[in-house]
PDB file of N, CA and C in Angstrom:
ATOM      1  N   UNK A   1      10.059  72.879 120.736  1.00  0.00           N
ATOM      2  CA  UNK A   1      11.081  71.961 121.080  1.00  0.00           C
ATOM      3  C   UNK A   1      10.724  70.676 121.920  1.00  0.00           C
ATOM      4  N   UNK A   2      11.316  69.651 121.450  1.00  0.00           N
ATOM      5  CA  UNK A   2      10.715  68.427 122.372  1.00  0.00           C
ATOM      6  C   UNK A   2      11.273  68.355 123.695  1.00  0.00           C
ATOM      7  N   UNK A   3      10.334  67.570 124.461  1.00  0.00           N
ATOM      8  CA  UNK A   3      10.673  67.264 125.840  1.00  0.00           C
ATOM      9  C   UNK A   3      12.074  66.978 126.144  1.00  0.00           C
ATOM     10  N   UNK A   4      12.569  66.053 125.359  1.00  0.00           N
ATOM     11  CA  UNK A   4      13.948  65.551 125.669  1.00  0.00           C
ATOM     12  C   UNK A   4      15.037  66.569 125.577  1.00  0.00           C
ATOM     13  N   UNK A   5      14.936  67.294 124.396  1.00  0.00           N
ATOM     14  CA  UNK A   5      15.867  68.514 124.175  1.00  0.00           C
ATOM     15  C   UNK A   5      15.669  69.333 125.416  1.00  0.00           C
ATOM     16  N   UNK A   6      14.516  69.822 125.723  1.00  0.00           N
ATOM     17  CA  UNK A   6      14.284  70.846 126.872  1.00  0.00           C
ATOM     18  C   UNK A   6      14.764  70.222 128.328  1.00  0.00           C
ATOM     19  N   UNK A   7      14.628  69.141 128.282  1.00  0.00           N
ATOM     20  CA  UNK A   7      15.338  68.195 129.471  1.00  0.00           C
ATOM     21  C   UNK A   7      16.799  68.316 129.458  1.00  0.00           C
ATOM     22  N   UNK A   8      17.433  68.263 128.430  1.00  0.00           N
ATOM     23  CA  UNK A   8      18.892  68.311 128.327  1.00  0.00           C
ATOM     24  C   UNK A   8      19.474  69.591 128.789  1.00  0.00           C
ATOM     25  N   UNK A   9      18.733  70.766 128.041  1.00  0.00           N
ATOM     26  CA  UNK A   9      19.059  72.010 128.314  1.00  0.00           C
ATOM     27  C   UNK A   9      19.058  72.379 129.773  1.00  0.00           C
ATOM     28  N   UNK A  10      17.862  71.963 130.372  1.00  0.00           N
ATOM     29  CA  UNK A  10      17.635  72.188 131.638  1.00  0.00           C
ATOM     30  C   UNK A  10      18.646  71.630 132.578  1.00  0.00           C
ATOM     31  N   UNK A  11      18.934  70.246 132.124  1.00  0.00           N
ATOM     32  CA  UNK A  11      19.815  69.462 133.073  1.00  0.00           C
ATOM     33  C   UNK A  11      21.470  69.997 132.910  1.00  0.00           C
ATOM     34  N   UNK A  12      21.784  70.469 131.727  1.00  0.00           N
ATOM     35  CA  UNK A  12      23.145  71.163 131.732  1.00  0.00           C
ATOM     36  C   UNK A  12      23.189  72.455 132.513  1.00  0.00           C
ATOM     37  N   UNK A  13      22.199  73.220 132.178  1.00  0.00           N
ATOM     38  CA  UNK A  13      22.361  74.472 132.935  1.00  0.00           C
ATOM     39  C   UNK A  13      22.248  74.228 134.473  1.00  0.00           C
ATOM     40  N   UNK A  14      21.225  73.434 134.950  1.00  0.00           N
ATOM     41  CA  UNK A  14      21.068  73.009 136.248  1.00  0.00           C
ATOM     42  C   UNK A  14      22.271  72.546 136.728  1.00  0.00           C
ATOM     43  N   UNK A  15      23.084  71.672 136.216  1.00  0.00           N
ATOM     44  CA  UNK A  15      24.339  70.982 136.667  1.00  0.00           C
ATOM     45  C   UNK A  15      25.211  72.262 136.696  1.00  0.00           C
ATOM     46  N   UNK A  16      25.344  73.204 135.780  1.00  0.00           N
ATOM     47  CA  UNK A  16      26.127  74.163 136.088  1.00  0.00           C
ATOM     48  C   UNK A  16      26.039  75.051 137.204  1.00  0.00           C
ATOM     49  N   UNK A  17      24.691  75.435 137.386  1.00  0.00           N
ATOM     50  CA  UNK A  17      24.177  76.042 138.660  1.00  0.00           C
ATOM     51  C   UNK A  17      24.524  75.471 139.876  1.00  0.00           C
ATOM     52  N   UNK A  18      24.383  74.018 139.992  1.00  0.00           N
ATOM     53  CA  UNK A  18      24.722  73.266 141.293  1.00  0.00           C
ATOM     54  C   UNK A  18      26.244  73.451 141.442  1.00  0.00           C
ATOM     55  N   UNK A  19      27.034  73.418 140.306  1.00  0.00           N
ATOM     56  CA  UNK A  19      28.474  73.400 140.576  1.00  0.00           C
ATOM     57  C   UNK A  19      29.033  74.819 140.907  1.00  0.00           C
ATOM     58  N   UNK A  20      28.353  75.862 140.433  1.00  0.00           N
ATOM     59  CA  UNK A  20      28.694  77.031 140.812  1.00  0.00           C
ATOM     60  C   UNK A  20      28.102  77.369 142.222  1.00  0.00           C
ATOM     61  N   UNK A  21      26.857  76.955 142.664  1.00  0.00           N
ATOM     62  CA  UNK A  21      26.571  77.011 143.720  1.00  0.00           C
ATOM     63  C   UNK A  21      27.318  76.387 144.882  1.00  0.00           C
ATOM     64  N   UNK A  22      27.732  75.243 144.488  1.00  0.00           N
ATOM     65  CA  UNK A  22      28.734  74.303 145.534  1.00  0.00           C
ATOM     66  C   UNK A  22      29.998  75.124 145.748  1.00  0.00           C
ATOM     67  N   UNK A  23      30.663  75.827 144.723  1.00  0.00           N
ATOM     68  CA  UNK A  23      31.755  76.622 144.905  1.00  0.00           C
ATOM     69  C   UNK A  23      31.557  77.866 145.867  1.00  0.00           C
ATOM     70  N   UNK A  24      30.203  78.334 145.648  1.00  0.00           N
ATOM     71  CA  UNK A  24      29.769  79.446 146.556  1.00  0.00           C
ATOM     72  C   UNK A  24      29.763  79.054 147.962  1.00  0.00           C
ATOM     73  N   UNK A  25      29.163  78.015 148.115  1.00  0.00           N
ATOM     74  CA  UNK A  25      28.978  77.349 149.493  1.00  0.00           C
ATOM     75  C   UNK A  25      30.461  76.982 150.050  1.00  0.00           C
ATOM     76  N   UNK A  26      31.243  76.653 149.302  1.00  0.00           N
ATOM     77  CA  UNK A  26      32.840  76.431 149.713  1.00  0.00           C
ATOM     78  C   UNK A  26      33.221  77.808 150.395  1.00  0.00           C
ATOM     79  N   UNK A  27      33.084  78.754 149.619  1.00  0.00           N
ATOM     80  CA  UNK A  27      33.443  80.258 149.935  1.00  0.00           C
ATOM     81  C   UNK A  27      32.912  80.607 151.250  1.00  0.00           C
ATOM     82  N   UNK A  28      31.529  80.169 151.525  1.00  0.00           N
ATOM     83  CA  UNK A  28      30.821  80.627 152.649  1.00  0.00           C
ATOM     84  C   UNK A  28      31.333  79.870 153.779  1.00  0.00           C
ATOM     85  N   UNK A  29      31.536  78.665 153.599  1.00  0.00           N
ATOM     86  CA  UNK A  29      32.165  77.856 154.709  1.00  0.00           C
ATOM     87  C   UNK A  29      33.624  78.358 155.146  1.00  0.00           C
ATOM     88  N   UNK A  30      34.346  78.883 154.113  1.00  0.00           N
ATOM     89  CA  UNK A  30      35.749  79.472 154.413  1.00  0.00           C
ATOM     90  C   UNK A  30      35.488  80.776 155.156  1.00  0.00           C
ATOM     91  N   UNK A  31      34.412  81.448 154.825  1.00  0.00           N
ATOM     92  CA  UNK A  31      34.334  82.843 155.359  1.00  0.00           C
ATOM     93  C   UNK A  31      33.640  82.350 157.119  1.00  0.00           C
ATOM     94  N   UNK A  32      32.866  81.555 157.039  1.00  0.00           N
ATOM     95  CA  UNK A  32      32.395  81.183 158.491  1.00  0.00           C
ATOM     96  C   UNK A  32      33.831  80.356 159.342  1.00  0.00           C
ATOM     97  N   UNK A  33      34.738  79.977 158.661  1.00  0.00           N
ATOM     98  CA  UNK A  33      35.977  79.434 159.512  1.00  0.00           C
ATOM     99  C   UNK A  33      37.031  80.494 159.508  1.00  0.00           C
ATOM    100  N   UNK A  34      36.825  81.840 159.195  1.00  0.00           N
ATOM    101  CA  UNK A  34      37.531  82.812 159.518  1.00  0.00           C
ATOM    102  C   UNK A  34      38.268  83.426 158.327  1.00  0.00           C
ATOM    103  N   UNK A  35      38.054  82.958 157.018  1.00  0.00           N
ATOM    104  CA  UNK A  35      38.679  83.528 155.815  1.00  0.00           C
ATOM    105  C   UNK A  35      38.069  84.909 155.680  1.00  0.00           C
ATOM    106  N   UNK A  36      38.728  85.930 155.576  1.00  0.00           N
ATOM    107  CA  UNK A  36      37.873  87.258 155.495  1.00  0.00           C
ATOM    108  C   UNK A  36      38.418  88.271 154.503  1.00  0.00           C
ATOM    109  N   UNK A  37      37.785  88.957 153.872  1.00  0.00           N
ATOM    110  CA  UNK A  37      38.189  90.001 152.892  1.00  0.00           C
ATOM    111  C   UNK A  37      38.126  91.418 153.423  1.00  0.00           C
ATOM    112  N   UNK A  38      38.642  92.238 152.691  1.00  0.00           N
ATOM    113  CA  UNK A  38      38.442  93.795 153.125  1.00  0.00           C
ATOM    114  C   UNK A  38      37.137  94.494 152.862  1.00  0.00           C
ATOM    115  N   UNK A  39      36.229  93.751 152.203  1.00  0.00           N
ATOM    116  CA  UNK A  39      34.923  94.352 151.972  1.00  0.00           C
ATOM    117  C   UNK A  39      33.735  93.667 152.569  1.00  0.00           C
ATOM    118  N   UNK A  40      33.060  94.532 153.579  1.00  0.00           N
ATOM    119  CA  UNK A  40      31.675  93.617 154.335  1.00  0.00           C
ATOM    120  C   UNK A  40      30.865  93.579 153.274  1.00  0.00           C
ATOM    121  N   UNK A  41      30.648  94.556 152.227  1.00  0.00           N
ATOM    122  CA  UNK A  41      29.685  94.663 151.249  1.00  0.00           C
ATOM    123  C   UNK A  41      29.797  93.276 150.417  1.00  0.00           C
ATOM    124  N   UNK A  42      30.953  93.026 149.937  1.00  0.00           N
ATOM    125  CA  UNK A  42      31.168  91.827 149.109  1.00  0.00           C
ATOM    126  C   UNK A  42      30.930  90.695 149.716  1.00  0.00           C
ATOM    127  N   UNK A  43      31.217  90.372 151.276  1.00  0.00           N
ATOM    128  CA  UNK A  43      30.858  89.436 152.058  1.00  0.00           C
ATOM    129  C   UNK A  43      29.377  89.096 152.168  1.00  0.00           C
ATOM    130  N   UNK A  44      28.619  90.172 152.272  1.00  0.00           N
ATOM    131  CA  UNK A  44      27.319  90.068 152.084  1.00  0.00           C
ATOM    132  C   UNK A  44      26.605  89.535 150.872  1.00  0.00           C
ATOM    133  N   UNK A  45      27.460  90.064 149.674  1.00  0.00           N
ATOM    134  CA  UNK A  45      26.920  89.601 148.208  1.00  0.00           C
ATOM    135  C   UNK A  45      27.167  88.102 148.274  1.00  0.00           C
ATOM    136  N   UNK A  46      28.181  87.545 148.891  1.00  0.00           N
ATOM    137  CA  UNK A  46      28.566  86.123 148.801  1.00  0.00           C
ATOM    138  C   UNK A  46      27.678  85.228 149.530  1.00  0.00           C
ATOM    139  N   UNK A  47      27.302  85.779 150.768  1.00  0.00           N
ATOM    140  CA  UNK A  47      26.625  85.139 151.674  1.00  0.00           C
ATOM    141  C   UNK A  47      24.854  85.055 151.037  1.00  0.00           C
ATOM    142  N   UNK A  48      24.359  86.371 150.515  1.00  0.00           N
ATOM    143  CA  UNK A  48      23.244  86.324 149.970  1.00  0.00           C
ATOM    144  C   UNK A  48      23.064  85.505 148.532  1.00  0.00           C
ATOM    145  N   UNK A  49      24.353  85.483 147.967  1.00  0.00           N
ATOM    146  CA  UNK A  49      24.029  84.663 146.595  1.00  0.00           C
ATOM    147  C   UNK A  49      23.933  83.348 147.144  1.00  0.00           C
ATOM    148  N   UNK A  50      24.486  82.865 147.837  1.00  0.00           N
ATOM    149  CA  UNK A  50      24.517  81.374 148.425  1.00  0.00           C
ATOM    150  C   UNK A  50      22.792  81.022 149.003  1.00  0.00           C
ATOM    151  N   UNK A  51      22.278  81.984 149.652  1.00  0.00           N
ATOM    152  CA  UNK A  51      21.040  81.793 150.031  1.00  0.00           C
ATOM    153  C   UNK A  51      19.959  81.814 148.800  1.00  0.00           C
ATOM    154  N   UNK A  52      20.192  82.908 148.010  1.00  0.00           N
ATOM    155  CA  UNK A  52      19.261  82.903 146.800  1.00  0.00           C
ATOM    156  C   UNK A  52      19.284  81.869 145.996  1.00  0.00           C
ATOM    157  N   UNK A  53      20.768  81.275 145.704  1.00  0.00           N
ATOM    158  CA  UNK A  53      21.053  80.145 144.737  1.00  0.00           C
ATOM    159  C   UNK A  53      20.335  79.048 145.424  1.00  0.00           C
ATOM    160  N   UNK A  54      20.518  78.695 146.639  1.00  0.00           N
ATOM    161  CA  UNK A  54      19.936  77.467 147.296  1.00  0.00           C
ATOM    162  C   UNK A  54      18.285  77.459 146.966  1.00  0.00           C
ATOM    163  N   UNK A  55      17.724  78.563 147.415  1.00  0.00           N
ATOM    164  CA  UNK A  55      16.197  78.611 147.278  1.00  0.00           C
ATOM    165  C   UNK A  55      15.738  78.577 145.752  1.00  0.00           C
ATOM    166  N   UNK A  56      16.434  79.245 144.996  1.00  0.00           N
ATOM    167  CA  UNK A  56      16.290  78.757 143.601  1.00  0.00           C
ATOM    168  C   UNK A  56      16.570  77.493 142.991  1.00  0.00           C
ATOM    169  N   UNK A  57      17.387  76.909 143.517  1.00  0.00           N
ATOM    170  CA  UNK A  57      17.776  75.451 142.989  1.00  0.00           C
ATOM    171  C   UNK A  57      16.661  74.589 143.457  1.00  0.00           C
ATOM    172  N   UNK A  58      16.118  74.524 144.678  1.00  0.00           N
ATOM    173  CA  UNK A  58      14.975  73.773 145.249  1.00  0.00           C
ATOM    174  C   UNK A  58      13.727  74.044 144.420  1.00  0.00           C
ATOM    175  N   UNK A  59      13.589  75.252 144.090  1.00  0.00           N
ATOM    176  CA  UNK A  59      12.319  75.762 143.362  1.00  0.00           C
ATOM    177  C   UNK A  59      12.278  75.248 141.963  1.00  0.00           C
ATOM    178  N   UNK A  60      13.480  75.328 141.486  1.00  0.00           N
ATOM    179  CA  UNK A  60      13.712  75.101 140.026  1.00  0.00           C
ATOM    180  C   UNK A  60      13.521  73.486 139.910  1.00  0.00           C
ATOM    181  N   UNK A  61      14.144  72.706 140.869  1.00  0.00           N
ATOM    182  CA  UNK A  61      13.944  71.410 140.786  1.00  0.00           C
ATOM    183  C   UNK A  61      12.396  70.813 140.929  1.00  0.00           C
ATOM    184  N   UNK A  62      11.661  71.514 141.782  1.00  0.00           N
ATOM    185  CA  UNK A  62      10.209  71.254 142.023  1.00  0.00           C
ATOM    186  C   UNK A  62       9.501  71.509 140.801  1.00  0.00           C
ATOM    187  N   UNK A  63       9.960  72.546 140.032  1.00  0.00           N
ATOM    188  CA  UNK A  63       9.234  72.964 138.829  1.00  0.00           C
ATOM    189  C   UNK A  63       9.708  72.087 137.644  1.00  0.00           C
ATOM    190  N   UNK A  64      10.732  71.737 137.639  1.00  0.00           N
ATOM    191  CA  UNK A  64      11.432  70.711 136.546  1.00  0.00           C
ATOM    192  C   UNK A  64      10.563  69.301 136.821  1.00  0.00           C
ATOM    193  N   UNK A  65      10.447  68.943 137.988  1.00  0.00           N
ATOM    194  CA  UNK A  65       9.827  67.617 138.328  1.00  0.00           C
ATOM    195  C   UNK A  65       8.370  67.595 137.885  1.00  0.00           C
ATOM    196  N   UNK A  66       7.842  68.840 137.970  1.00  0.00           N
ATOM    197  CA  UNK A  66       6.200  68.892 137.573  1.00  0.00           C
ATOM    198  C   UNK A  66       6.291  69.065 136.143  1.00  0.00           C
ATOM    199  N   UNK A  67       7.247  69.809 135.517  1.00  0.00           N
ATOM    200  CA  UNK A  67       7.202  69.871 133.986  1.00  0.00           C
ATOM    201  C   UNK A  67       7.595  68.632 133.180  1.00  0.00           C
ATOM    202  N   UNK A  68       8.640  68.034 133.722  1.00  0.00           N
ATOM    203  CA  UNK A  68       9.185  66.698 133.003  1.00  0.00           C
ATOM    204  C   UNK A  68       8.557  65.511 133.287  1.00  0.00           C
ATOM    205  N   UNK A  69       7.926  65.412 134.256  1.00  0.00           N
ATOM    206  CA  UNK A  69       6.953  63.973 134.591  1.00  0.00           C
ATOM    207  C   UNK A  69       7.994  63.165 135.248  1.00  0.00           C
ATOM    208  N   UNK A  70       7.447  62.001 135.572  1.00  0.00           N
ATOM    209  CA  UNK A  70       7.953  61.020 136.560  1.00  0.00           C
ATOM    210  C   UNK A  70       9.355  60.300 135.721  1.00  0.00           C
ATOM    211  N   UNK A  71       8.886  60.187 134.319  1.00  0.00           N
ATOM    212  CA  UNK A  71       9.965  59.301 133.654  1.00  0.00           C
ATOM    213  C   UNK A  71      11.109  59.982 133.461  1.00  0.00           C
ATOM    214  N   UNK A  72      11.352  61.266 133.660  1.00  0.00           N
ATOM    215  CA  UNK A  72      12.687  62.003 133.545  1.00  0.00           C
ATOM    216  C   UNK A  72      13.256  62.515 134.952  1.00  0.00           C
ATOM    217  N   UNK A  73      12.642  62.142 135.977  1.00  0.00           N
ATOM    218  CA  UNK A  73      13.137  62.664 137.187  1.00  0.00           C
ATOM    219  C   UNK A  73      14.477  62.126 137.852  1.00  0.00           C
ATOM    220  N   UNK A  74      14.493  60.529 137.517  1.00  0.00           N
ATOM    221  CA  UNK A  74      15.665  59.983 137.771  1.00  0.00           C
ATOM    222  C   UNK A  74      16.742  60.664 137.058  1.00  0.00           C
ATOM    223  N   UNK A  75      16.726  60.793 135.851  1.00  0.00           N
ATOM    224  CA  UNK A  75      17.932  61.428 135.056  1.00  0.00           C
ATOM    225  C   UNK A  75      18.107  62.770 135.573  1.00  0.00           C
ATOM    226  N   UNK A  76      17.319  63.658 135.983  1.00  0.00           N
ATOM    227  CA  UNK A  76      17.579  65.017 136.580  1.00  0.00           C
ATOM    228  C   UNK A  76      18.190  64.879 137.698  1.00  0.00           C
ATOM    229  N   UNK A  77      17.807  64.171 138.604  1.00  0.00           N
ATOM    230  CA  UNK A  77      18.091  63.887 139.838  1.00  0.00           C
ATOM    231  C   UNK A  77      19.727  63.206 139.964  1.00  0.00           C
ATOM    232  N   UNK A  78      19.934  62.396 138.987  1.00  0.00           N
ATOM    233  CA  UNK A  78      21.495  61.772 138.882  1.00  0.00           C
ATOM    234  C   UNK A  78      22.170  62.976 138.431  1.00  0.00           C
ATOM    235  N   UNK A  79      21.827  63.746 137.623  1.00  0.00           N
ATOM    236  CA  UNK A  79      22.740  64.942 136.989  1.00  0.00           C
ATOM    237  C   UNK A  79      22.952  65.784 138.180  1.00  0.00           C
ATOM    238  N   UNK A  80      21.994  66.296 138.926  1.00  0.00           N
ATOM    239  CA  UNK A  80      22.248  67.110 140.077  1.00  0.00           C
ATOM    240  C   UNK A  80      23.155  66.609 141.153  1.00  0.00           C
ATOM    241  N   UNK A  81      23.073  65.373 141.428  1.00  0.00           N
ATOM    242  CA  UNK A  81      24.043  64.712 142.382  1.00  0.00           C
ATOM    243  C   UNK A  81      25.303  64.455 141.802  1.00  0.00           C
ATOM    244  N   UNK A  82      25.342  64.016 140.675  1.00  0.00           N
ATOM    245  CA  UNK A  82      26.691  63.725 139.921  1.00  0.00           C
ATOM    246  C   UNK A  82      27.521  64.763 139.435  1.00  0.00           C
ATOM    247  N   UNK A  83      26.965  65.843 139.255  1.00  0.00           N
ATOM    248  CA  UNK A  83      27.665  66.987 138.617  1.00  0.00           C
ATOM    249  C   UNK A  83      28.880  67.590 139.595  1.00  0.00           C
ATOM    250  N   UNK A  84      28.056  67.987 140.891  1.00  0.00           N
ATOM    251  CA  UNK A  84      29.362  68.474 141.740  1.00  0.00           C
ATOM    252  C   UNK A  84      30.185  67.650 142.209  1.00  0.00           C
ATOM    253  N   UNK A  85      29.909  66.069 142.332  1.00  0.00           N
ATOM    254  CA  UNK A  85      30.824  65.173 142.653  1.00  0.00           C
ATOM    255  C   UNK A  85      31.815  64.886 141.616  1.00  0.00           C
ATOM    256  N   UNK A  86      31.465  65.055 140.473  1.00  0.00           N
ATOM    257  CA  UNK A  86      32.459  64.801 139.309  1.00  0.00           C
ATOM    258  C   UNK A  86      33.525  66.199 139.115  1.00  0.00           C
ATOM    259  N   UNK A  87      32.671  67.198 139.385  1.00  0.00           N
ATOM    260  CA  UNK A  87      33.545  68.403 139.326  1.00  0.00           C
ATOM    261  C   UNK A  87      34.440  68.747 140.399  1.00  0.00           C
ATOM    262  N   UNK A  88      34.142  68.228 141.662  1.00  0.00           N
ATOM    263  CA  UNK A  88      35.071  68.403 142.879  1.00  0.00           C
ATOM    264  C   UNK A  88      36.210  67.413 142.623  1.00  0.00           C
ATOM    265  N   UNK A  89      35.979  66.039 142.035  1.00  0.00           N
ATOM    266  CA  UNK A  89      37.015  65.115 141.888  1.00  0.00           C
ATOM    267  C   UNK A  89      37.997  65.674 140.847  1.00  0.00           C
ATOM    268  N   UNK A  90      37.477  66.167 139.754  1.00  0.00           N
ATOM    269  CA  UNK A  90      38.212  66.806 138.622  1.00  0.00           C
ATOM    270  C   UNK A  90      39.249  68.016 139.056  1.00  0.00           C
ATOM    271  N   UNK A  91      38.391  68.832 139.778  1.00  0.00           N
ATOM    272  CA  UNK A  91      39.179  70.046 140.305  1.00  0.00           C
ATOM    273  C   UNK A  91      40.288  69.775 141.159  1.00  0.00           C
ATOM    274  N   UNK A  92      40.083  68.697 142.141  1.00  0.00           N
ATOM    275  CA  UNK A  92      41.117  68.502 143.000  1.00  0.00           C
ATOM    276  C   UNK A  92      42.380  67.759 142.316  1.00  0.00           C
ATOM    277  N   UNK A  93      41.877  66.798 141.355  1.00  0.00           N
ATOM    278  CA  UNK A  93      42.920  66.244 140.643  1.00  0.00           C
ATOM    279  C   UNK A  93      43.888  67.170 139.676  1.00  0.00           C
ATOM    280  N   UNK A  94      43.193  68.259 139.209  1.00  0.00           N
ATOM    281  CA  UNK A  94      43.799  69.163 138.460  1.00  0.00           C
ATOM    282  C   UNK A  94      44.653  70.116 139.260  1.00  0.00           C
ATOM    283  N   UNK A  95      44.062  70.663 140.209  1.00  0.00           N
ATOM    284  CA  UNK A  95      44.665  71.786 140.969  1.00  0.00           C
ATOM    285  C   UNK A  95      45.408  71.165 142.015  1.00  0.00           C
ATOM    286  N   UNK A  96      45.268  70.069 142.652  1.00  0.00           N
ATOM    287  CA  UNK A  96      45.826  69.380 143.646  1.00  0.00           C
ATOM    288  C   UNK A  96      45.285  70.096 145.115  1.00  0.00           C
ATOM    289  N   UNK A  97      44.606  70.772 145.051  1.00  0.00           N
ATOM    290  CA  UNK A  97      43.785  71.427 146.380  1.00  0.00           C
ATOM    291  C   UNK A  97      42.315  71.530 146.010  1.00  0.00           C
ATOM    292  N   UNK A  98      41.471  71.610 147.177  1.00  0.00           N
ATOM    293  CA  UNK A  98      40.065  71.609 146.987  1.00  0.00           C
ATOM    294  C   UNK A  98      39.571  73.152 147.122  1.00  0.00           C
ATOM    295  N   UNK A  99      40.273  73.865 147.781  1.00  0.00           N
ATOM    296  CA  UNK A  99      39.985  75.444 148.027  1.00  0.00           C
ATOM    297  C   UNK A  99      40.678  76.287 147.341  1.00  0.00           C
ATOM    298  N   UNK A 100      40.049  76.746 146.323  1.00  0.00           N
ATOM    299  CA  UNK A 100      40.828  77.828 145.535  1.00  0.00           C
ATOM    300  C   UNK A 100      39.809  79.082 145.405  1.00  0.00           C
ATOM    301  N   UNK A 101      40.150  79.970 145.941  1.00  0.00           N
ATOM    302  CA  UNK A 101      39.534  81.466 146.063  1.00  0.00           C
ATOM    303  C   UNK A 101      39.055  81.925 144.473  1.00  0.00           C
ATOM    304  N   UNK A 102      39.945  81.807 143.642  1.00  0.00           N
ATOM    305  CA  UNK A 102      39.261  82.166 142.246  1.00  0.00           C
ATOM    306  C   UNK A 102      38.322  81.457 141.795  1.00  0.00           C
ATOM    307  N   UNK A 103      38.275  80.055 141.977  1.00  0.00           N
ATOM    308  CA  UNK A 103      37.084  79.301 141.544  1.00  0.00           C
ATOM    309  C   UNK A 103      35.926  79.554 142.375  1.00  0.00           C
ATOM    310  N   UNK A 104      36.116  80.008 143.657  1.00  0.00           N
ATOM    311  CA  UNK A 104      34.984  80.250 144.394  1.00  0.00           C
ATOM    312  C   UNK A 104      34.303  81.560 143.824  1.00  0.00           C
ATOM    313  N   UNK A 105      35.287  82.762 143.523  1.00  0.00           N
ATOM    314  CA  UNK A 105      34.869  83.968 142.885  1.00  0.00           C
ATOM    315  C   UNK A 105      33.841  83.680 141.568  1.00  0.00           C
ATOM    316  N   UNK A 106      34.692  82.928 140.625  1.00  0.00           N
ATOM    317  CA  UNK A 106      33.814  82.455 139.297  1.00  0.00           C
ATOM    318  C   UNK A 106      32.629  81.851 139.692  1.00  0.00           C
ATOM    319  N   UNK A 107      32.643  80.853 140.455  1.00  0.00           N
ATOM    320  CA  UNK A 107      31.532  80.058 140.805  1.00  0.00           C
ATOM    321  C   UNK A 107      30.361  81.063 141.287  1.00  0.00           C
ATOM    322  N   UNK A 108      30.706  81.966 142.288  1.00  0.00           N
ATOM    323  CA  UNK A 108      29.755  82.866 142.761  1.00  0.00           C
ATOM    324  C   UNK A 108      29.052  83.955 141.746  1.00  0.00           C
ATOM    325  N   UNK A 109      29.960  84.246 140.814  1.00  0.00           N
ATOM    326  CA  UNK A 109      29.687  85.288 139.990  1.00  0.00           C
ATOM    327  C   UNK A 109      28.740  84.631 138.829  1.00  0.00           C
ATOM    328  N   UNK A 110      29.115  83.431 138.524  1.00  0.00           N
ATOM    329  CA  UNK A 110      28.309  82.687 137.428  1.00  0.00           C
ATOM    330  C   UNK A 110      26.867  82.313 137.934  1.00  0.00           C
ATOM    331  N   UNK A 111      26.711  82.289 139.257  1.00  0.00           N
ATOM    332  CA  UNK A 111      25.294  81.804 139.769  1.00  0.00           C
ATOM    333  C   UNK A 111      24.227  82.570 139.201  1.00  0.00           C
ATOM    334  N   UNK A 112      24.491  84.004 138.987  1.00  0.00           N
ATOM    335  CA  UNK A 112      23.543  84.823 138.640  1.00  0.00           C
ATOM    336  C   UNK A 112      22.973  84.813 137.033  1.00  0.00           C
ATOM    337  N   UNK A 113      24.021  84.768 136.242  1.00  0.00           N
ATOM    338  CA  UNK A 113      23.525  84.476 134.814  1.00  0.00           C
ATOM    339  C   UNK A 113      23.097  83.098 134.560  1.00  0.00           C
ATOM    340  N   UNK A 114      23.333  82.067 135.269  1.00  0.00           N
ATOM    341  CA  UNK A 114      22.953  80.768 135.105  1.00  0.00           C
ATOM    342  C   UNK A 114      21.357  80.759 135.580  1.00  0.00           C
ATOM    343  N   UNK A 115      21.155  81.370 136.748  1.00  0.00           N
ATOM    344  CA  UNK A 115      19.720  81.454 137.246  1.00  0.00           C
ATOM    345  C   UNK A 115      18.911  82.318 136.068  1.00  0.00           C
ATOM    346  N   UNK A 116      19.434  83.364 135.679  1.00  0.00           N
ATOM    347  CA  UNK A 116      18.677  84.081 134.644  1.00  0.00           C
ATOM    348  C   UNK A 116      18.432  83.202 133.503  1.00  0.00           C
ATOM    349  N   UNK A 117      19.376  82.444 132.956  1.00  0.00           N
ATOM    350  CA  UNK A 117      19.220  81.592 131.819  1.00  0.00           C
ATOM    351  C   UNK A 117      18.270  80.491 132.068  1.00  0.00           C
ATOM    352  N   UNK A 118      18.109  79.976 133.306  1.00  0.00           N
ATOM    353  CA  UNK A 118      17.219  79.099 133.632  1.00  0.00           C
ATOM    354  C   UNK A 118      15.843  79.635 133.728  1.00  0.00           C
ATOM    355  N   UNK A 119      15.576  80.774 134.044  1.00  0.00           N
ATOM    356  CA  UNK A 119      14.408  81.697 133.991  1.00  0.00           C
ATOM    357  C   UNK A 119      13.812  81.767 132.730  1.00  0.00           C
ATOM    358  N   UNK A 120      14.816  82.218 131.887  1.00  0.00           N
ATOM    359  CA  UNK A 120      14.198  82.571 130.438  1.00  0.00           C
ATOM    360  C   UNK A 120      14.070  81.170 129.418  1.00  0.00           C
ATOM    361  N   UNK A 121      14.444  80.184 129.910  1.00  0.00           N
ATOM    362  CA  UNK A 121      14.388  78.993 129.245  1.00  0.00           C
ATOM    363  C   UNK A 121      12.868  78.653 128.992  1.00  0.00           C
ATOM    364  N   UNK A 122      12.650  78.211 127.595  1.00  0.00           N
ATOM    365  CA  UNK A 122      11.399  77.803 127.364  1.00  0.00           C
ATOM    366  C   UNK A 122      10.862  76.556 128.235  1.00  0.00           C
TER     367      UNK A 122
END
């Protein structure tokens, strides 16, 4: 696989992970502000998903910078910063509100397969 194809795959998967992690962080922020569910265990799952996802994101970014070299770092950083910004804008324009618990749930659950997909990428 060529380096640019690998960079595109990593960028797309990483952008999806950043967006899902962003939605997980919104849920964590809501929980801190008093949004409560009926299950303490699921609350811990939400919180730990956020912590693990954040650590994984920073580790993967460091690894990607090492693998892809200096010439591709700008593109990767742009994707990682623009993806949540664009997602947030589109999400608010479509739904009319920023905080949607269903989106938080989907984002939180998708964090795990996205991290796995990034781990097994060549």
